[in-house]
Protein backbone atom coordinates (compact mmCIF):
# COMPACT_ATOMS: atom_id res chain seq x y z
CA MET A 1 79.71 -70.84 -53.93
CA GLU A 2 77.80 -71.95 -51.11
CA HIS A 3 78.21 -73.33 -47.31
CA ASP A 4 76.70 -76.58 -47.00
CA MET A 5 74.34 -75.48 -43.76
CA GLN A 6 73.31 -78.85 -41.71
CA HIS A 7 72.08 -77.19 -38.61
CA ASP A 8 68.36 -76.21 -38.10
CA HIS A 9 69.16 -72.81 -36.93
CA ILE A 10 71.66 -71.50 -39.73
CA ASN A 11 70.03 -69.63 -42.66
CA SER A 12 71.97 -69.29 -45.98
CA ASP A 13 71.02 -68.02 -49.33
CA ASN A 14 73.63 -68.21 -52.02
CA ASN A 15 71.82 -65.86 -54.25
CA LEU A 16 73.12 -62.90 -52.26
CA ASN A 17 76.59 -63.54 -53.00
CA SER A 18 77.57 -60.10 -54.39
CA LYS A 19 80.82 -59.77 -56.48
CA LEU A 20 83.64 -57.55 -56.16
CA GLN A 21 86.07 -57.37 -58.66
CA TYR A 22 89.39 -56.03 -58.75
CA HIS A 23 90.87 -55.96 -62.17
CA ASP A 24 94.85 -55.65 -62.96
CA GLU A 25 96.27 -56.41 -66.11
CA ASN A 26 98.46 -59.44 -65.21
CA GLU A 27 95.41 -60.59 -62.94
CA HIS A 28 91.80 -61.15 -62.25
CA LEU A 29 90.66 -61.58 -58.75
CA GLU A 30 87.08 -62.07 -57.66
CA ASN A 31 85.91 -61.83 -53.98
CA GLU A 32 82.20 -63.09 -53.27
CA ASN A 33 80.69 -61.62 -50.71
CA HIS A 34 78.96 -64.84 -48.17
CA VAL A 35 76.33 -63.82 -46.23
CA HIS A 36 74.94 -66.26 -43.34
CA GLU A 37 72.65 -65.98 -40.61
CA HIS A 38 71.64 -67.83 -37.57
CA HIS A 39 67.99 -67.80 -36.14
CA GLU A 40 67.42 -69.10 -32.86
CA HIS A 41 63.66 -70.18 -34.13
CA GLU A 42 63.19 -70.54 -37.75
CA ARG A 43 64.84 -72.15 -40.96
CA ASP A 44 64.22 -70.68 -44.46
CA GLU A 45 66.64 -71.54 -47.34
CA SER A 46 65.06 -69.08 -49.85
CA HIS A 47 64.76 -66.21 -47.12
CA ARG A 48 67.03 -63.27 -48.51
CA LEU A 49 68.88 -61.33 -45.68
CA ASP A 50 69.39 -58.31 -47.75
CA ILE A 51 66.21 -55.76 -46.87
CA LYS A 52 64.61 -54.90 -50.68
CA ALA A 53 64.79 -51.56 -51.50
CA LEU A 54 61.45 -49.72 -52.26
CA PRO A 55 59.80 -50.58 -55.52
CA ALA A 56 61.20 -47.91 -58.47
CA ALA A 57 57.33 -46.86 -59.19
CA SER A 58 56.83 -45.63 -55.84
CA VAL A 59 59.57 -43.29 -55.46
CA VAL A 60 59.51 -41.55 -59.02
CA GLY A 61 58.73 -38.06 -58.26
CA LYS A 62 59.52 -37.93 -54.70
CA PRO A 63 63.12 -36.01 -53.14
CA VAL A 64 65.54 -38.33 -52.73
CA TYR A 65 68.42 -37.78 -50.19
CA ARG A 66 72.04 -39.45 -50.33
CA VAL A 67 72.65 -40.81 -46.70
CA LYS A 68 75.97 -42.32 -45.26
CA ILE A 69 75.35 -45.43 -43.29
CA TYR A 70 77.59 -44.98 -40.17
CA SER A 71 78.29 -48.54 -39.43
CA SER A 72 79.64 -49.87 -43.02
CA ASN A 73 80.48 -46.57 -44.51
CA GLU A 74 78.08 -46.95 -47.54
CA THR A 75 75.97 -44.45 -48.91
CA ILE A 76 72.50 -45.12 -50.26
CA PHE A 77 69.92 -43.18 -51.73
CA CYS A 78 66.59 -42.88 -49.64
CA VAL A 79 63.18 -40.76 -49.57
CA PRO A 80 61.16 -39.73 -46.37
CA GLU A 81 58.08 -41.94 -45.54
CA ASN A 82 56.14 -39.03 -44.48
CA GLU A 83 56.43 -34.88 -44.79
CA ILE A 84 59.78 -34.72 -42.76
CA VAL A 85 61.83 -31.46 -43.23
CA LEU A 86 65.29 -32.64 -43.42
CA SER A 87 68.55 -30.77 -44.48
CA VAL A 88 72.05 -31.91 -45.05
CA HIS A 89 74.15 -33.16 -41.86
CA ASP A 90 70.82 -34.37 -40.52
CA GLN A 91 70.91 -37.57 -38.80
CA VAL A 92 68.39 -40.13 -39.69
CA VAL A 93 66.50 -43.72 -39.07
CA ALA A 94 66.83 -45.42 -42.48
CA THR A 95 66.62 -48.45 -43.65
CA THR A 96 69.48 -50.31 -44.94
CA ARG A 97 70.15 -53.70 -46.63
CA TYR A 98 71.35 -54.81 -43.18
CA GLY A 99 68.13 -53.40 -41.61
CA LYS A 100 66.92 -50.08 -39.51
CA ASP A 101 69.93 -48.00 -38.75
CA LEU A 102 71.47 -44.58 -38.17
CA GLY A 103 72.78 -42.65 -41.05
CA LEU A 104 73.99 -38.91 -41.87
CA ILE A 105 72.29 -36.77 -45.00
CA GLN A 106 75.13 -35.90 -47.22
CA CYS A 107 73.20 -34.25 -50.07
CA GLY A 108 69.30 -33.63 -51.38
CA PRO A 109 67.07 -33.20 -52.26
CA VAL A 110 66.52 -34.13 -55.71
CA ALA A 111 63.60 -34.69 -57.52
CA CYS A 112 63.70 -38.70 -58.60
CA GLN A 113 62.64 -38.81 -62.09
CA ASN A 114 63.87 -42.58 -62.40
CA ALA A 115 64.70 -45.08 -59.82
CA SER A 116 65.18 -47.93 -62.17
CA GLU A 117 68.66 -48.22 -62.08
CA MET A 118 69.35 -47.44 -58.33
CA ASP A 119 67.86 -49.09 -54.85
CA VAL A 120 65.95 -46.39 -52.82
CA TYR A 121 65.18 -46.80 -49.05
CA PRO A 122 62.87 -45.13 -46.86
CA ILE A 123 63.69 -42.63 -44.15
CA HIS A 124 61.28 -43.26 -41.14
CA ARG A 125 62.48 -40.29 -38.96
CA LYS A 126 65.08 -37.60 -37.70
CA ALA A 127 67.15 -39.35 -35.22
CA THR A 128 66.18 -38.57 -31.51
CA GLU A 129 67.90 -37.98 -28.53
CA ASN A 130 66.72 -41.73 -27.33
CA ASP A 131 68.21 -42.81 -30.63
CA LEU A 132 71.77 -41.13 -30.03
CA GLN A 133 71.93 -42.51 -26.82
CA LYS A 134 71.05 -45.97 -27.76
CA ILE A 135 73.73 -45.95 -30.48
CA GLN A 136 76.32 -44.52 -27.90
CA MET A 137 75.10 -47.75 -25.53
CA HIS A 138 75.56 -50.01 -28.70
CA ARG A 139 79.09 -48.75 -29.57
CA GLU A 140 80.28 -49.99 -26.00
CA LYS A 141 78.79 -53.37 -26.17
CA GLU A 142 80.23 -53.42 -29.97
CA GLY A 143 83.71 -53.39 -28.37
CA THR A 144 83.02 -56.40 -25.95
CA ALA A 145 80.97 -58.33 -28.71
CA PHE A 146 84.27 -57.93 -31.15
CA LYS A 147 86.60 -59.11 -28.43
CA THR A 148 84.09 -62.14 -27.83
CA CYS A 149 83.97 -63.08 -31.45
CA ARG A 150 87.67 -62.92 -31.79
CA GLN A 151 88.66 -64.96 -28.85
CA LYS A 152 85.77 -67.61 -30.28
CA ILE A 153 87.47 -67.62 -33.71
CA LEU A 154 90.86 -68.59 -32.10
CA GLU A 155 89.34 -71.04 -29.97
CA HIS A 156 87.81 -72.62 -33.08
CA GLY A 157 91.06 -72.14 -35.09
CA LEU A 158 89.22 -70.31 -37.97
CA GLU A 159 91.52 -68.73 -40.84
CA MET A 160 89.52 -65.72 -40.73
CA LYS A 161 90.05 -61.81 -39.92
CA LEU A 162 87.28 -60.24 -38.12
CA VAL A 163 87.02 -56.46 -39.20
CA ALA A 164 84.29 -54.86 -37.31
CA THR A 165 80.92 -55.44 -35.17
CA HIS A 166 77.86 -53.34 -35.16
CA TYR A 167 74.25 -53.74 -33.38
CA LEU A 168 71.88 -52.68 -35.72
CA LEU A 169 69.55 -49.67 -33.94
CA GLU A 170 66.08 -51.26 -33.78
CA GLU A 171 66.83 -54.88 -34.44
CA PRO A 172 68.17 -57.41 -32.24
CA LYS A 173 70.97 -58.63 -34.39
CA ILE A 174 74.53 -57.81 -34.56
CA LEU A 175 76.59 -58.03 -37.36
CA PHE A 176 79.93 -59.19 -37.59
CA PHE A 177 82.00 -58.20 -41.12
CA PHE A 178 85.28 -60.72 -41.61
CA THR A 179 87.69 -61.13 -44.38
CA ALA A 180 89.18 -64.70 -45.53
CA GLU A 181 91.35 -65.93 -48.29
CA ASN A 182 89.52 -69.27 -48.52
CA ARG A 183 85.99 -70.79 -47.78
CA VAL A 184 85.34 -71.19 -43.92
CA ASP A 185 83.51 -73.57 -42.03
CA PHE A 186 82.34 -71.22 -38.97
CA ARG A 187 78.47 -72.81 -38.14
CA GLU A 188 80.08 -73.81 -34.50
CA LEU A 189 81.20 -70.21 -33.94
CA VAL A 190 77.81 -69.28 -34.80
CA LYS A 191 76.12 -71.65 -32.46
CA ASP A 192 78.84 -70.20 -29.66
CA LEU A 193 77.64 -66.35 -30.67
CA VAL A 194 73.64 -66.95 -30.38
CA SER A 195 74.26 -68.92 -27.05
CA ILE A 196 76.58 -65.77 -25.55
CA PHE A 197 74.54 -63.12 -26.96
CA LYS A 198 70.90 -64.36 -26.97
CA MET A 199 70.41 -62.72 -30.49
CA ARG A 200 70.25 -62.81 -34.36
CA ILE A 201 73.94 -63.27 -35.21
CA GLU A 202 74.75 -62.61 -39.07
CA LEU A 203 78.50 -62.84 -40.54
CA ARG A 204 79.28 -60.85 -43.56
CA GLN A 205 82.47 -61.69 -45.71
CA ILE A 206 84.00 -58.69 -47.24
CA GLY A 207 86.86 -57.95 -49.70
CA VAL A 208 90.00 -56.25 -48.61
CA ARG A 209 88.88 -52.86 -49.99
CA ASP A 210 85.65 -53.19 -48.13
CA GLU A 211 87.71 -53.35 -44.96
CA ALA A 212 89.56 -50.26 -45.89
CA ARG A 213 86.21 -48.68 -46.24
CA VAL A 214 84.58 -49.78 -43.14
CA LEU A 215 87.82 -49.21 -40.89
CA GLY A 216 88.99 -45.96 -42.46
CA GLY A 217 92.92 -44.85 -42.27
CA ILE A 218 95.31 -42.49 -43.59
CA GLY A 219 96.44 -43.20 -47.16
CA ILE A 220 100.02 -42.19 -48.84
CA CYS A 221 99.08 -38.94 -49.64
CA GLY A 222 98.34 -38.12 -45.82
CA ARG A 223 94.63 -37.73 -46.36
CA SER A 224 91.86 -39.95 -45.38
CA PHE A 225 91.20 -43.25 -47.53
CA CYS A 226 89.12 -42.32 -50.87
CA CYS A 227 86.84 -45.41 -50.02
CA HIS A 228 86.21 -44.39 -46.32
CA ALA A 229 85.82 -40.44 -46.85
CA VAL A 230 85.27 -39.49 -50.55
CA THR A 231 83.23 -42.34 -52.40
CA ASP A 232 82.12 -45.94 -50.81
CA LYS A 233 81.89 -47.16 -54.84
CA LEU A 234 84.48 -49.32 -55.12
CA ASN A 235 85.00 -49.25 -59.24
CA PRO A 236 87.64 -51.68 -61.00
CA VAL A 237 91.15 -49.99 -61.02
CA SER A 238 93.82 -51.47 -63.46
CA ILE A 239 97.41 -50.95 -63.91
CA LYS A 240 96.44 -49.83 -67.46
CA MET A 241 95.19 -46.30 -65.77
CA ALA A 242 98.68 -45.93 -64.17
CA LYS A 243 100.79 -46.44 -67.35
CA GLU A 244 98.00 -43.84 -69.09
CA GLN A 245 99.11 -40.98 -66.55
CA ASN A 246 103.03 -41.70 -66.61
CA ILE A 247 102.77 -42.79 -63.02
CA SER A 248 105.59 -45.04 -61.94
CA LEU A 249 104.67 -48.95 -61.47
CA ASN A 250 106.59 -49.39 -58.42
CA SER A 251 104.02 -51.19 -56.64
CA LEU A 252 104.72 -49.28 -53.14
CA LYS A 253 103.75 -46.26 -54.82
CA ILE A 254 100.41 -47.01 -56.78
CA SER A 255 98.77 -49.41 -53.86
CA GLY A 256 96.85 -48.73 -50.98
CA PRO A 257 97.06 -49.87 -47.67
CA CYS A 258 94.65 -52.62 -48.69
CA GLY A 259 97.33 -53.70 -50.78
CA ARG A 260 94.99 -53.32 -54.00
CA LEU A 261 95.63 -50.39 -56.43
CA LEU A 262 94.92 -47.17 -55.26
CA CYS A 263 90.95 -45.91 -56.31
CA CYS A 264 92.63 -42.22 -57.18
CA LEU A 265 94.33 -43.72 -60.27
CA GLY A 266 90.80 -43.56 -61.72
CA TYR A 267 89.81 -40.12 -60.93
CA GLU A 268 91.84 -38.51 -63.89
CA TYR A 269 92.05 -41.52 -66.15
CA ASP A 270 89.33 -40.14 -68.55
CA PHE A 271 91.19 -36.74 -68.78
CA TYR A 272 94.57 -38.44 -69.92
CA HIS A 273 92.49 -40.59 -72.02
CA CYS A 274 90.93 -38.30 -73.94
CA GLU A 275 94.20 -35.96 -74.27
CA LYS A 276 96.29 -38.40 -75.37
CA SER A 277 93.58 -39.81 -78.24
CA SER A 278 94.41 -36.57 -79.84
CA LEU A 279 98.28 -36.97 -79.72
CA PRO A 280 100.73 -39.18 -81.07
CA GLU A 281 101.19 -42.52 -79.14
CA GLU A 282 104.25 -43.37 -77.44
CA GLY A 283 107.03 -45.37 -79.72
CA ARG A 284 105.96 -43.56 -83.09
CA LYS A 285 108.68 -42.74 -85.05
CA PHE A 286 109.63 -39.25 -86.79
CA VAL A 287 112.37 -38.35 -89.09
CA ILE A 288 113.25 -34.60 -87.98
CA ASP A 289 116.28 -33.13 -89.70
CA LYS A 290 117.32 -36.04 -91.48
CA GLU A 291 117.33 -37.74 -88.07
CA GLU A 292 115.14 -40.46 -86.87
CA TYR A 293 113.50 -39.76 -83.61
CA TYR A 294 110.62 -42.09 -81.94
CA ILE A 295 108.44 -40.78 -78.86
CA THR A 296 109.48 -41.72 -75.12
CA GLU A 297 106.78 -39.88 -73.37
CA VAL A 298 103.27 -38.01 -73.93
CA ASN A 299 103.22 -35.08 -70.68
CA VAL A 300 99.53 -34.11 -71.50
CA ILE A 301 100.04 -32.03 -68.44
CA MET A 302 103.19 -29.79 -69.46
CA ASN A 303 101.95 -30.16 -73.43
CA VAL A 304 105.52 -31.65 -74.32
CA ILE A 305 106.25 -34.58 -75.90
CA THR A 306 109.66 -36.23 -75.43
CA MET A 307 111.65 -37.74 -78.07
CA LYS A 308 114.70 -39.61 -78.74
CA SER A 309 116.76 -40.22 -81.27
CA VAL A 310 118.58 -43.74 -82.45
CA ASN A 311 121.87 -42.10 -81.13
CA GLY A 312 120.57 -41.26 -77.97
CA ARG A 313 119.91 -37.84 -78.27
CA PHE A 314 116.51 -36.31 -76.73
CA LEU A 315 114.58 -33.80 -77.71
CA ASN A 316 111.28 -32.01 -76.04
CA LEU A 317 108.66 -30.40 -78.23
CA PRO A 318 105.22 -28.81 -77.50
CA THR A 319 102.12 -30.77 -78.18
CA ALA A 320 101.20 -28.24 -80.94
CA SER A 321 103.89 -29.08 -83.11
CA PHE A 322 102.13 -32.58 -83.93
CA HIS A 323 98.97 -32.47 -86.14
CA ARG A 324 97.50 -34.83 -88.85
CA ASP A 325 97.79 -33.95 -92.59
CA GLU A 326 94.79 -34.29 -94.96
CA ASN A 327 95.50 -38.31 -95.24
CA GLY A 328 95.75 -38.44 -91.33
CA HIS A 329 99.40 -39.20 -91.25
CA TRP A 330 101.13 -37.69 -88.29
CA GLU A 331 103.27 -34.75 -89.07
CA VAL A 332 105.72 -32.64 -86.67
CA ASN A 333 106.77 -29.17 -87.21
CA SER A 334 110.17 -28.31 -85.28
CA GLU A 335 111.26 -25.17 -86.73
CA PRO A 336 114.11 -24.55 -84.59
CA ILE A 337 115.65 -27.85 -85.88
CA GLY A 338 114.29 -28.05 -89.49
CA GLU A 339 111.43 -28.35 -92.09
CA ASN A 340 107.90 -30.59 -91.58
CA SER A 341 108.84 -34.25 -91.88
CA LYS A 342 106.32 -36.80 -92.07
CA THR A 343 106.28 -39.98 -90.04
CA VAL A 344 108.33 -43.24 -91.59
């Protein structure tokens, strides 16, 4: 998706559009991140706004740190430019895909053996007192910039929601993160913002899950959002994951404040999937004590399989009662009720 930019001061690059996917059994939604930038004195349609990572060959064997960027709550992998002694929880100035900014070392160092599958950026220095004071000044200005931009959005009648504003640490540039359901033509908005702030303006469209990651909040579990406090990797989550874990499919219980399925549904899915693959599936029929039963629930935590007869009788059996014979057919051993019985 690409906006048709006519004004001489607007740069765009549709190649920068990265896709964020949300998978559901009954739907498939894609939110493209649209990036638009306004420069006061230049135009280059092929200009890539995202800062490129270091060449993979240049970081092999070097100590790699995981750094959390304060402005977007993203984590990136970084290597020091020189012999800097760094520790966990140190604040550093590093290059990000937006430009130079402040971040927090979360873990490391780890020797990099293969950087071909990840982007690695440089750490320039430890944050100084001047850097921290500058960030504090920027945060005060960000509140004003947010109000100004939101007012201009209302004046232009644009259907977009402003999420956050950020001044880069060492570049005369302001980032505006926003969400929108449809395509938005904000060329006039960009011109207004440039005339007010007299610096580079970058607007980035993000998805609703990104919004939750940037802003943070408290989830239904009473703890901080996973995407904000645990991990910034927004992996696909499907309704199948909830079914596999015998979780109620009530949308109010399995959806987060962002309106998407809870990220935590994917945390234990592999365990449930692996355990259930070695047990008979729901719906499989057995004959026990001359009565036909079918499995209604497989509880891998309690190691119990619940069965129901055609007459409405329920039966709970331990998972150890089920095994396969030499031909691969499931058998059930229910000693309190009757003899061994094969599936039908």
